[in-house]
Protein backbone atom coordinates (compact mmCIF):
# COMPACT_ATOMS: atom_id res chain seq x y z
CA MET A 1 0.00 0.00 0.00
CA ALA A 2 1.32 3.44 -0.93
CA THR A 3 1.73 6.01 1.78
CA SER A 4 1.96 9.76 1.46
CA SER A 5 5.66 9.62 2.35
CA ASN A 6 6.58 7.60 -0.76
CA LEU A 7 4.32 9.29 -3.33
CA ASN A 8 5.59 12.00 -5.61
CA PRO A 9 3.56 15.19 -5.39
CA ALA A 10 1.08 15.63 -8.20
CA ALA A 11 1.81 18.21 -10.87
CA PHE A 12 -0.86 20.84 -11.47
CA ALA A 13 -1.44 20.14 -15.16
CA TYR A 14 -4.67 21.82 -16.33
CA THR A 15 -7.19 24.46 -15.54
CA VAL A 16 -10.32 23.69 -17.54
CA VAL A 17 -12.54 26.65 -18.33
CA TYR A 18 -16.14 25.86 -19.32
CA VAL A 19 -17.22 28.26 -22.08
CA LYS A 20 -20.04 28.87 -24.55
CA ASP A 21 -17.83 28.60 -27.66
CA VAL A 22 -14.45 26.85 -27.42
CA ALA A 23 -12.98 28.19 -30.69
CA GLU A 24 -14.05 31.75 -29.89
CA SER A 25 -12.60 31.55 -26.37
CA VAL A 26 -9.29 30.08 -27.56
CA ASP A 27 -8.98 32.90 -30.12
CA PHE A 28 -9.96 35.53 -27.54
CA TYR A 29 -7.43 34.36 -24.92
CA ALA A 30 -4.66 34.15 -27.53
CA LYS A 31 -5.27 37.73 -28.67
CA ALA A 32 -6.25 39.36 -25.37
CA PHE A 33 -3.70 37.71 -23.08
CA GLY A 34 -0.90 36.79 -25.49
CA TYR A 35 -1.00 32.98 -25.37
CA SER A 36 -0.16 30.61 -28.22
CA VAL A 37 -2.74 28.02 -29.22
CA ARG A 38 -1.45 24.51 -28.51
CA ARG A 39 -4.51 22.64 -29.74
CA LEU A 40 -8.04 23.14 -30.99
CA ASP A 41 -9.65 19.85 -31.94
CA GLU A 42 -11.73 19.58 -35.11
CA SER A 43 -14.98 19.21 -33.17
CA HIS A 44 -14.27 22.49 -31.29
CA ARG A 45 -15.07 20.69 -28.04
CA TRP A 46 -11.55 21.03 -26.62
CA GLY A 47 -8.88 23.69 -26.93
CA GLU A 48 -5.58 24.35 -25.16
CA LEU A 49 -3.21 27.28 -24.78
CA GLU A 50 0.53 27.23 -24.09
CA SER A 51 0.94 28.86 -20.70
CA GLY A 52 4.10 27.46 -19.15
CA HIS A 53 3.91 24.46 -16.84
CA THR A 54 0.11 24.50 -16.54
CA THR A 55 -2.21 24.21 -19.54
CA ILE A 56 -5.26 26.43 -19.89
CA ALA A 57 -7.93 24.27 -21.51
CA PHE A 58 -11.42 25.10 -22.78
CA THR A 59 -14.44 22.88 -23.19
CA PRO A 60 -18.18 23.55 -23.72
CA ILE A 61 -20.35 24.38 -20.71
CA HIS A 62 -22.60 21.41 -21.48
CA GLN A 63 -21.41 18.05 -22.68
CA HIS A 64 -22.84 14.65 -21.93
CA GLU A 65 -19.50 13.13 -20.85
CA THR A 66 -19.11 15.39 -17.82
CA ASP A 67 -22.71 16.51 -17.19
CA ASP A 68 -23.79 12.90 -16.64
CA LEU A 69 -20.70 11.99 -14.64
CA THR A 70 -19.98 14.98 -12.39
CA GLY A 71 -23.00 17.26 -12.73
CA VAL A 72 -24.10 20.24 -14.77
CA VAL A 73 -21.98 23.39 -14.90
CA HIS A 74 -23.99 26.46 -13.87
CA ALA A 75 -23.35 29.71 -15.70
CA ASN A 76 -23.78 33.09 -14.04
CA LYS A 77 -27.35 34.34 -14.05
CA SER A 78 -26.38 38.02 -14.08
CA LYS A 79 -23.37 40.30 -14.32
CA GLN A 80 -23.60 40.75 -10.55
CA GLU A 81 -22.58 37.10 -10.08
CA ARG A 82 -19.31 35.38 -10.81
CA PRO A 83 -18.11 31.79 -10.56
CA PRO A 84 -16.13 30.72 -7.50
CA LEU A 85 -12.96 30.83 -9.59
CA GLU A 86 -10.60 33.57 -10.61
CA VAL A 87 -7.87 33.15 -13.19
CA CYS A 88 -4.70 35.16 -12.58
CA PHE A 89 -2.07 36.02 -15.16
CA VAL A 90 1.17 37.84 -14.28
CA TYR A 91 3.12 40.07 -16.63
CA PRO A 92 6.34 42.08 -16.45
CA ASP A 93 4.42 45.10 -17.85
CA ILE A 94 0.92 44.88 -16.41
CA ASP A 95 -0.21 48.24 -17.82
CA ALA A 96 0.59 47.20 -21.43
CA ALA A 97 -0.95 43.75 -20.88
CA TYR A 98 -4.15 45.25 -19.43
CA LYS A 99 -4.42 47.66 -22.37
CA ARG A 100 -3.96 44.80 -24.89
CA ALA A 101 -6.61 42.70 -23.15
CA VAL A 102 -9.20 45.50 -23.26
CA GLU A 103 -8.32 46.40 -26.85
CA ASN A 104 -8.97 42.76 -27.79
CA GLY A 105 -12.40 42.42 -26.22
CA ALA A 106 -11.88 41.94 -22.48
CA VAL A 107 -14.34 43.95 -20.41
CA ALA A 108 -12.53 46.39 -18.13
CA VAL A 109 -13.47 45.98 -14.47
CA SER A 110 -10.67 47.77 -12.62
CA GLU A 111 -7.49 49.32 -14.03
CA PRO A 112 -4.18 48.13 -12.56
CA GLU A 113 -3.31 49.68 -9.20
CA MET A 114 -0.62 48.98 -6.62
CA LYS A 115 -1.75 46.78 -3.73
CA GLU A 116 -0.38 46.78 -0.20
CA TRP A 117 1.30 43.40 -0.72
CA GLY A 118 3.52 44.86 -3.46
CA GLN A 119 1.67 43.71 -6.59
CA LYS A 120 0.06 45.90 -9.23
CA VAL A 121 -3.34 44.32 -10.03
CA GLY A 122 -6.17 45.00 -12.47
CA TYR A 123 -9.31 43.04 -13.34
CA VAL A 124 -11.14 42.26 -16.58
CA ARG A 125 -13.88 39.84 -17.60
CA ASP A 126 -13.52 37.46 -20.51
CA ILE A 127 -16.17 36.91 -23.19
CA ASP A 128 -17.99 34.46 -20.90
CA GLY A 129 -17.94 36.81 -17.90
CA ILE A 130 -15.12 35.01 -16.06
CA VAL A 131 -13.05 37.35 -13.89
CA ILE A 132 -9.39 37.55 -14.88
CA ARG A 133 -6.93 39.07 -12.41
CA MET A 134 -3.99 40.60 -14.23
CA GLY A 135 -1.00 41.46 -12.12
CA SER A 136 2.67 42.13 -11.86
CA HIS A 137 4.95 39.64 -10.20
CA VAL A 138 4.77 39.99 -6.41
CA LYS A 139 7.90 41.52 -5.02
CA PRO A 140 9.58 39.41 -2.34
CA ALA A 141 9.05 40.56 1.24
CA LYS A 142 11.97 42.35 2.84
CA LEU A 143 13.51 40.43 5.68
CA ASP A 144 14.59 42.41 8.73
């Protein structure tokens, strides 16, 4: 029997985003946030972006494989609601990245501003209403 002491830690491989239109979302994220498309299958039911060690994947909100197995995904009912998930992207130049995102269809929520923890952060919504936090890299804390 395997114990936690002899298991390798799991790698965080994917974040799957449930969207209305996979091809449209893949194109939007590539243009708005600067990612390269790794894969968009011919059925347009699965798409992936190159994003470093973790893949950003897209799949339709409703599909029988997962709806029947794990339950139905619920979309927001209004713009006053958001899913219990926030995607965060970091950039060396957050102001330029925020501007590019908005120019490519992201809905501006809050322009980048410096936070008390040493990160400049702004918020946008994607074409499905998902909140995207865009920030600078957090500066390391000073040790006394």
